[in-house]
Structure formats: structure tokens, C-alpha cells
């Protein structure tokens, strides 16, 4: 419709944010083995409650996610990165500087 390509299942746009067919590539090539999880499954994966994940998403302090219509999906690779970024050595560690 209106000259834009029709989205195809299993592909997503590459970098550049242009909607031309030459800028589409398979999702599997970009995901590199990551699995997408619902909020419920992501909560179980991280050990957090669904409510906590929802609040973190609203404040922008949670892991990156993908929104497809009303669905929220979390990539396991992004969840692992986010969990790693929240590692602390002690209760006084604010996580703002690398440990020497």
C-alpha cells in the first residue's frame, strides 16, 4: 500500500530505518541465537516478577524490549546483557565506575 513493501514474516528492517526491500534481512541472521520471550517468560528467566519488569519498562530502567502491536518481547541476549550490567560487588557499589 502506498509504495511501501509489505512486511514479511521472518524479516526485519536493517539499520538505516528505510523501508525498501533491499534493506530487509532474515531475523535469524540478526538475532545470532537469541530467543524472544513474553513478559511472563522473561520474568521467570530473570527471577523478577512481571510487575517489576513492567515498572522497569515504564521508567526506562529495564532491559531493552521489542513491541509488536500490544505484545512485548524480550530477547534473551538483551536480558543477559542487562543482568550483567547490574552486577555489583557490595551493597555500597553504585555500579557507576569499574572496579579497580
C-alpha atoms as a PDB file:
ATOM      1  CA  UNK A   1       0.000   0.000   0.000  1.00  0.00           C
ATOM      2  CA  UNK A   2       1.314   3.462  -0.936  1.00  0.00           C
ATOM      3  CA  UNK A   3       4.506   2.010  -2.435  1.00  0.00           C
ATOM      4  CA  UNK A   4       5.882   0.569   0.815  1.00  0.00           C
ATOM      5  CA  UNK A   5       6.902  -3.091   0.927  1.00  0.00           C
ATOM      6  CA  UNK A   6       4.598  -5.476   2.722  1.00  0.00           C
ATOM      7  CA  UNK A   7       6.182  -6.836   5.927  1.00  0.00           C
ATOM      8  CA  UNK A   8       7.175 -10.471   5.549  1.00  0.00           C
ATOM      9  CA  UNK A   9       7.159 -12.949   8.405  1.00  0.00           C
ATOM     10  CA  UNK A  10      10.736 -13.731   9.458  1.00  0.00           C
ATOM     11  CA  UNK A  11      12.355 -10.490   8.285  1.00  0.00           C
ATOM     12  CA  UNK A  12      13.001  -7.138   9.889  1.00  0.00           C
ATOM     13  CA  UNK A  13      14.491  -3.863   8.622  1.00  0.00           C
ATOM     14  CA  UNK A  14      18.265  -3.395   8.829  1.00  0.00           C
ATOM     15  CA  UNK A  15      19.955  -0.268  10.144  1.00  0.00           C
ATOM     16  CA  UNK A  16      19.129   2.937   8.355  1.00  0.00           C
ATOM     17  CA  UNK A  17      15.370   2.994   9.084  1.00  0.00           C
ATOM     18  CA  UNK A  18      14.427   2.993   5.398  1.00  0.00           C
ATOM     19  CA  UNK A  19      11.598   0.808   4.206  1.00  0.00           C
ATOM     20  CA  UNK A  20      12.945  -0.578   0.965  1.00  0.00           C
ATOM     21  CA  UNK A  21      13.178  -4.273   0.158  1.00  0.00           C
ATOM     22  CA  UNK A  22      16.957  -4.239  -0.218  1.00  0.00           C
ATOM     23  CA  UNK A  23      17.217  -3.194   3.463  1.00  0.00           C
ATOM     24  CA  UNK A  24      15.437  -6.277   4.796  1.00  0.00           C
ATOM     25  CA  UNK A  25      17.355  -9.307   6.029  1.00  0.00           C
ATOM     26  CA  UNK A  26      16.373 -12.506   7.870  1.00  0.00           C
ATOM     27  CA  UNK A  27      15.678 -12.152  11.593  1.00  0.00           C
ATOM     28  CA  UNK A  28      17.790 -15.215  12.356  1.00  0.00           C
ATOM     29  CA  UNK A  29      20.880 -13.507  10.925  1.00  0.00           C
ATOM     30  CA  UNK A  30      20.442 -10.551  13.284  1.00  0.00           C
ATOM     31  CA  UNK A  31      19.413 -12.479  16.405  1.00  0.00           C
ATOM     32  CA  UNK A  32      22.504 -14.702  16.453  1.00  0.00           C
ATOM     33  CA  UNK A  33      20.878 -17.413  18.525  1.00  0.00           C
ATOM     34  CA  UNK A  34      18.817 -15.236  20.870  1.00  0.00           C
ATOM     35  CA  UNK A  35      15.315 -16.329  21.791  1.00  0.00           C
ATOM     36  CA  UNK A  36      12.386 -13.943  22.238  1.00  0.00           C
ATOM     37  CA  UNK A  37      10.348 -14.266  25.433  1.00  0.00           C
ATOM     38  CA  UNK A  38       6.999 -12.904  26.585  1.00  0.00           C
ATOM     39  CA  UNK A  39       6.875 -10.735  29.723  1.00  0.00           C
ATOM     40  CA  UNK A  40       5.814 -13.783  31.750  1.00  0.00           C
ATOM     41  CA  UNK A  41       8.700 -15.893  30.445  1.00  0.00           C
ATOM     42  CA  UNK A  42      11.199 -13.029  30.760  1.00  0.00           C
ATOM     43  CA  UNK A  43      10.148 -12.580  34.391  1.00  0.00           C
ATOM     44  CA  UNK A  44      10.810 -16.262  35.069  1.00  0.00           C
ATOM     45  CA  UNK A  45      14.122 -16.047  33.170  1.00  0.00           C
ATOM     46  CA  UNK A  46      15.367 -13.085  35.231  1.00  0.00           C
ATOM     47  CA  UNK A  47      13.813 -14.090  38.547  1.00  0.00           C
ATOM     48  CA  UNK A  48      11.769 -10.891  38.687  1.00  0.00           C
ATOM     49  CA  UNK A  49       8.004 -10.514  38.847  1.00  0.00           C
ATOM     50  CA  UNK A  50       6.023  -9.447  35.786  1.00  0.00           C
ATOM     51  CA  UNK A  51       5.016  -6.317  37.694  1.00  0.00           C
ATOM     52  CA  UNK A  52       8.647  -5.386  38.319  1.00  0.00           C
ATOM     53  CA  UNK A  53       9.523  -5.855  34.631  1.00  0.00           C
ATOM     54  CA  UNK A  54       6.526  -3.724  33.646  1.00  0.00           C
ATOM     55  CA  UNK A  55       7.570  -0.932  36.037  1.00  0.00           C
ATOM     56  CA  UNK A  56      11.189  -1.063  34.853  1.00  0.00           C
ATOM     57  CA  UNK A  57       9.978  -0.826  31.259  1.00  0.00           C
ATOM     58  CA  UNK A  58       7.814   2.213  32.087  1.00  0.00           C
ATOM     59  CA  UNK A  59      10.703   4.035  33.801  1.00  0.00           C
ATOM     60  CA  UNK A  60      13.251   3.069  31.144  1.00  0.00           C
ATOM     61  CA  UNK A  61      15.458   1.255  33.668  1.00  0.00           C
ATOM     62  CA  UNK A  62      14.776  -2.274  32.454  1.00  0.00           C
ATOM     63  CA  UNK A  63      16.181  -4.405  29.677  1.00  0.00           C
ATOM     64  CA  UNK A  64      15.615  -3.468  26.027  1.00  0.00           C
ATOM     65  CA  UNK A  65      12.473  -4.954  24.535  1.00  0.00           C
ATOM     66  CA  UNK A  66      10.593  -5.227  21.272  1.00  0.00           C
ATOM     67  CA  UNK A  67       6.992  -4.045  20.990  1.00  0.00           C
ATOM     68  CA  UNK A  68       4.858  -5.673  18.301  1.00  0.00           C
ATOM     69  CA  UNK A  69       1.391  -4.198  18.484  1.00  0.00           C
ATOM     70  CA  UNK A  70       0.292  -4.941  22.039  1.00  0.00           C
ATOM     71  CA  UNK A  71       2.909  -7.673  22.550  1.00  0.00           C
ATOM     72  CA  UNK A  72       6.126  -7.070  24.458  1.00  0.00           C
ATOM     73  CA  UNK A  73       9.024  -9.410  23.701  1.00  0.00           C
ATOM     74  CA  UNK A  74      12.414  -9.641  25.375  1.00  0.00           C
ATOM     75  CA  UNK A  75      15.448 -11.144  23.642  1.00  0.00           C
ATOM     76  CA  UNK A  76      17.427 -13.492  25.912  1.00  0.00           C
ATOM     77  CA  UNK A  77      20.700 -11.930  24.719  1.00  0.00           C
ATOM     78  CA  UNK A  78      19.480  -8.466  25.806  1.00  0.00           C
ATOM     79  CA  UNK A  79      18.253  -9.870  29.135  1.00  0.00           C
ATOM     80  CA  UNK A  80      21.674 -11.410  29.769  1.00  0.00           C
ATOM     81  CA  UNK A  81      23.395  -8.105  28.895  1.00  0.00           C
ATOM     82  CA  UNK A  82      21.078  -6.192  31.224  1.00  0.00           C
ATOM     83  CA  UNK A  83      21.605  -8.659  34.053  1.00  0.00           C
ATOM     84  CA  UNK A  84      25.388  -8.422  33.583  1.00  0.00           C
ATOM     85  CA  UNK A  85      25.232  -4.623  33.615  1.00  0.00           C
ATOM     86  CA  UNK A  86      23.598  -4.781  37.048  1.00  0.00           C
ATOM     87  CA  UNK A  87      26.326  -6.823  38.741  1.00  0.00           C
ATOM     88  CA  UNK A  88      27.636  -5.344  41.998  1.00  0.00           C
ATOM     89  CA  UNK A  89      30.495  -6.253  44.345  1.00  0.00           C
ATOM     90  CA  UNK A  90      28.946  -4.891  47.518  1.00  0.00           C
ATOM     91  CA  UNK A  91      25.911  -3.039  48.781  1.00  0.00           C
ATOM     92  CA  UNK A  92      27.843   0.234  48.627  1.00  0.00           C
ATOM     93  CA  UNK A  93      28.744  -0.331  44.956  1.00  0.00           C
ATOM     94  CA  UNK A  94      26.661   2.081  42.868  1.00  0.00           C
ATOM     95  CA  UNK A  95      27.744   0.453  39.635  1.00  0.00           C
ATOM     96  CA  UNK A  96      28.851   3.771  38.134  1.00  0.00           C
ATOM     97  CA  UNK A  97      32.581   3.018  37.960  1.00  0.00           C
ATOM     98  CA  UNK A  98      34.563  -0.065  37.090  1.00  0.00           C
ATOM     99  CA  UNK A  99      36.212  -1.855  39.993  1.00  0.00           C
ATOM    100  CA  UNK A 100      39.977  -1.286  40.076  1.00  0.00           C
END
